[in-house]
């Protein structure tokens, strides 16, 4: 019984510790893509080069950006699309991902 109660509240406990640097990068990139996607009327890809440029400003290395973007695609947090010849990203369908402010 105690374990079930503890598990039910674990998210609240863990959330107080904050995000790791990579976790913050994931949240920042997703927020950037969400904002750009909405600003473009949700009909255009958020250019990949602009997304990488944004991510590089807050990451430790270019290799980290590549790994994080790949992991985000794999987890369906973002998805790669091509609209009108623009290769880029759109928000993924992973409804479990919550963009932190």
C-alpha atoms as a PDB file:
ATOM      1  CA  UNK A   1       0.000   0.000   0.000  1.00  0.00           C
ATOM      2  CA  UNK A   2       2.788   2.413   0.952  1.00  0.00           C
ATOM      3  CA  UNK A   3       4.684   1.696  -2.250  1.00  0.00           C
ATOM      4  CA  UNK A   4       1.600   2.361  -4.378  1.00  0.00           C
ATOM      5  CA  UNK A   5       1.048   5.700  -2.641  1.00  0.00           C
ATOM      6  CA  UNK A   6       4.710   6.647  -3.016  1.00  0.00           C
ATOM      7  CA  UNK A   7       4.730   5.702  -6.701  1.00  0.00           C
ATOM      8  CA  UNK A   8       1.607   7.774  -7.362  1.00  0.00           C
ATOM      9  CA  UNK A   9       3.366  10.868  -5.993  1.00  0.00           C
ATOM     10  CA  UNK A  10       6.848  10.198  -7.428  1.00  0.00           C
ATOM     11  CA  UNK A  11       6.435  12.602 -10.347  1.00  0.00           C
ATOM     12  CA  UNK A  12       5.755  15.443  -7.931  1.00  0.00           C
ATOM     13  CA  UNK A  13       8.841  14.555  -5.904  1.00  0.00           C
ATOM     14  CA  UNK A  14      11.196  14.193  -8.872  1.00  0.00           C
ATOM     15  CA  UNK A  15       9.959  17.366 -10.581  1.00  0.00           C
ATOM     16  CA  UNK A  16      11.322  19.420  -7.669  1.00  0.00           C
ATOM     17  CA  UNK A  17      14.886  18.470  -8.645  1.00  0.00           C
ATOM     18  CA  UNK A  18      14.748  20.246 -12.002  1.00  0.00           C
ATOM     19  CA  UNK A  19      16.047  19.212 -15.392  1.00  0.00           C
ATOM     20  CA  UNK A  20      19.493  18.047 -16.416  1.00  0.00           C
ATOM     21  CA  UNK A  21      21.292  20.123 -19.059  1.00  0.00           C
ATOM     22  CA  UNK A  22      20.191  17.686 -21.774  1.00  0.00           C
ATOM     23  CA  UNK A  23      16.659  17.643 -20.406  1.00  0.00           C
ATOM     24  CA  UNK A  24      16.581  21.423 -20.497  1.00  0.00           C
ATOM     25  CA  UNK A  25      17.838  21.356 -24.089  1.00  0.00           C
ATOM     26  CA  UNK A  26      15.031  18.948 -25.051  1.00  0.00           C
ATOM     27  CA  UNK A  27      12.425  21.198 -23.420  1.00  0.00           C
ATOM     28  CA  UNK A  28      13.896  24.344 -25.006  1.00  0.00           C
ATOM     29  CA  UNK A  29      14.044  22.818 -28.500  1.00  0.00           C
ATOM     30  CA  UNK A  30      10.486  21.502 -28.258  1.00  0.00           C
ATOM     31  CA  UNK A  31       9.250  24.898 -27.038  1.00  0.00           C
ATOM     32  CA  UNK A  32      11.130  26.621 -29.896  1.00  0.00           C
ATOM     33  CA  UNK A  33       9.611  24.266 -32.476  1.00  0.00           C
ATOM     34  CA  UNK A  34       6.127  24.653 -30.985  1.00  0.00           C
ATOM     35  CA  UNK A  35       6.376  28.459 -31.071  1.00  0.00           C
ATOM     36  CA  UNK A  36       7.801  28.605 -34.608  1.00  0.00           C
ATOM     37  CA  UNK A  37       5.259  26.057 -35.843  1.00  0.00           C
ATOM     38  CA  UNK A  38       2.345  28.124 -34.524  1.00  0.00           C
ATOM     39  CA  UNK A  39       3.856  31.363 -35.850  1.00  0.00           C
ATOM     40  CA  UNK A  40       4.057  29.807 -39.317  1.00  0.00           C
ATOM     41  CA  UNK A  41       0.404  28.886 -39.268  1.00  0.00           C
ATOM     42  CA  UNK A  42       1.194  25.199 -38.679  1.00  0.00           C
ATOM     43  CA  UNK A  43       1.695  24.691 -42.391  1.00  0.00           C
ATOM     44  CA  UNK A  44       5.479  25.046 -42.698  1.00  0.00           C
ATOM     45  CA  UNK A  45       8.404  23.092 -41.399  1.00  0.00           C
ATOM     46  CA  UNK A  46      10.569  24.811 -38.822  1.00  0.00           C
ATOM     47  CA  UNK A  47      13.855  24.856 -40.776  1.00  0.00           C
ATOM     48  CA  UNK A  48      16.348  22.280 -39.534  1.00  0.00           C
ATOM     49  CA  UNK A  49      19.288  24.677 -39.803  1.00  0.00           C
ATOM     50  CA  UNK A  50      17.482  27.314 -37.703  1.00  0.00           C
ATOM     51  CA  UNK A  51      16.565  24.679 -35.117  1.00  0.00           C
ATOM     52  CA  UNK A  52      20.195  23.500 -34.905  1.00  0.00           C
ATOM     53  CA  UNK A  53      21.376  27.110 -34.657  1.00  0.00           C
ATOM     54  CA  UNK A  54      18.957  27.699 -31.766  1.00  0.00           C
ATOM     55  CA  UNK A  55      20.017  24.477 -30.011  1.00  0.00           C
ATOM     56  CA  UNK A  56      23.739  25.226 -30.422  1.00  0.00           C
ATOM     57  CA  UNK A  57      23.339  28.470 -28.484  1.00  0.00           C
ATOM     58  CA  UNK A  58      22.420  26.541 -25.333  1.00  0.00           C
ATOM     59  CA  UNK A  59      24.149  23.171 -25.750  1.00  0.00           C
ATOM     60  CA  UNK A  60      27.585  21.992 -24.720  1.00  0.00           C
ATOM     61  CA  UNK A  61      28.544  20.705 -28.174  1.00  0.00           C
ATOM     62  CA  UNK A  62      27.371  20.110 -31.724  1.00  0.00           C
ATOM     63  CA  UNK A  63      27.474  16.360 -31.076  1.00  0.00           C
ATOM     64  CA  UNK A  64      25.035  16.821 -28.185  1.00  0.00           C
ATOM     65  CA  UNK A  65      22.629  18.675 -30.488  1.00  0.00           C
ATOM     66  CA  UNK A  66      22.733  15.848 -33.023  1.00  0.00           C
ATOM     67  CA  UNK A  67      22.102  13.250 -30.307  1.00  0.00           C
ATOM     68  CA  UNK A  68      19.278  15.221 -28.696  1.00  0.00           C
ATOM     69  CA  UNK A  69      17.491  15.908 -32.004  1.00  0.00           C
ATOM     70  CA  UNK A  70      17.767  12.226 -32.968  1.00  0.00           C
ATOM     71  CA  UNK A  71      16.454  11.122 -29.562  1.00  0.00           C
ATOM     72  CA  UNK A  72      13.592  13.617 -29.826  1.00  0.00           C
ATOM     73  CA  UNK A  73      12.659  12.204 -33.246  1.00  0.00           C
ATOM     74  CA  UNK A  74      12.872   8.629 -31.954  1.00  0.00           C
ATOM     75  CA  UNK A  75      10.593   9.509 -29.031  1.00  0.00           C
ATOM     76  CA  UNK A  76       8.181  11.341 -31.382  1.00  0.00           C
ATOM     77  CA  UNK A  77       8.647  14.591 -29.481  1.00  0.00           C
ATOM     78  CA  UNK A  78       9.457  16.200 -32.840  1.00  0.00           C
ATOM     79  CA  UNK A  79       9.115  14.869 -36.363  1.00  0.00           C
ATOM     80  CA  UNK A  80      11.042  15.664 -39.501  1.00  0.00           C
ATOM     81  CA  UNK A  81       8.971  16.986 -42.403  1.00  0.00           C
ATOM     82  CA  UNK A  82       9.516  18.575 -45.794  1.00  0.00           C
ATOM     83  CA  UNK A  83       7.093  21.276 -46.904  1.00  0.00           C
ATOM     84  CA  UNK A  84       7.599  23.145 -50.144  1.00  0.00           C
ATOM     85  CA  UNK A  85      11.238  22.102 -50.267  1.00  0.00           C
ATOM     86  CA  UNK A  86      11.990  23.197 -46.701  1.00  0.00           C
ATOM     87  CA  UNK A  87      13.456  20.371 -44.639  1.00  0.00           C
ATOM     88  CA  UNK A  88      12.666  20.849 -41.002  1.00  0.00           C
ATOM     89  CA  UNK A  89      10.732  19.881 -37.931  1.00  0.00           C
ATOM     90  CA  UNK A  90       7.208  19.916 -36.590  1.00  0.00           C
ATOM     91  CA  UNK A  91       5.926  18.966 -33.148  1.00  0.00           C
ATOM     92  CA  UNK A  92       5.637  15.216 -32.736  1.00  0.00           C
ATOM     93  CA  UNK A  93       2.604  13.296 -31.598  1.00  0.00           C
ATOM     94  CA  UNK A  94       3.982  12.303 -28.206  1.00  0.00           C
ATOM     95  CA  UNK A  95       1.199  13.654 -26.035  1.00  0.00           C
ATOM     96  CA  UNK A  96       3.030  12.631 -22.865  1.00  0.00           C
ATOM     97  CA  UNK A  97       5.693  15.277 -23.414  1.00  0.00           C
ATOM     98  CA  UNK A  98       4.982  18.450 -21.472  1.00  0.00           C
ATOM     99  CA  UNK A  99       6.738  21.653 -22.544  1.00  0.00           C
ATOM    100  CA  UNK A 100       7.988  23.368 -19.420  1.00  0.00           C
ATOM    101  CA  UNK A 101       8.109  27.127 -19.316  1.00  0.00           C
END
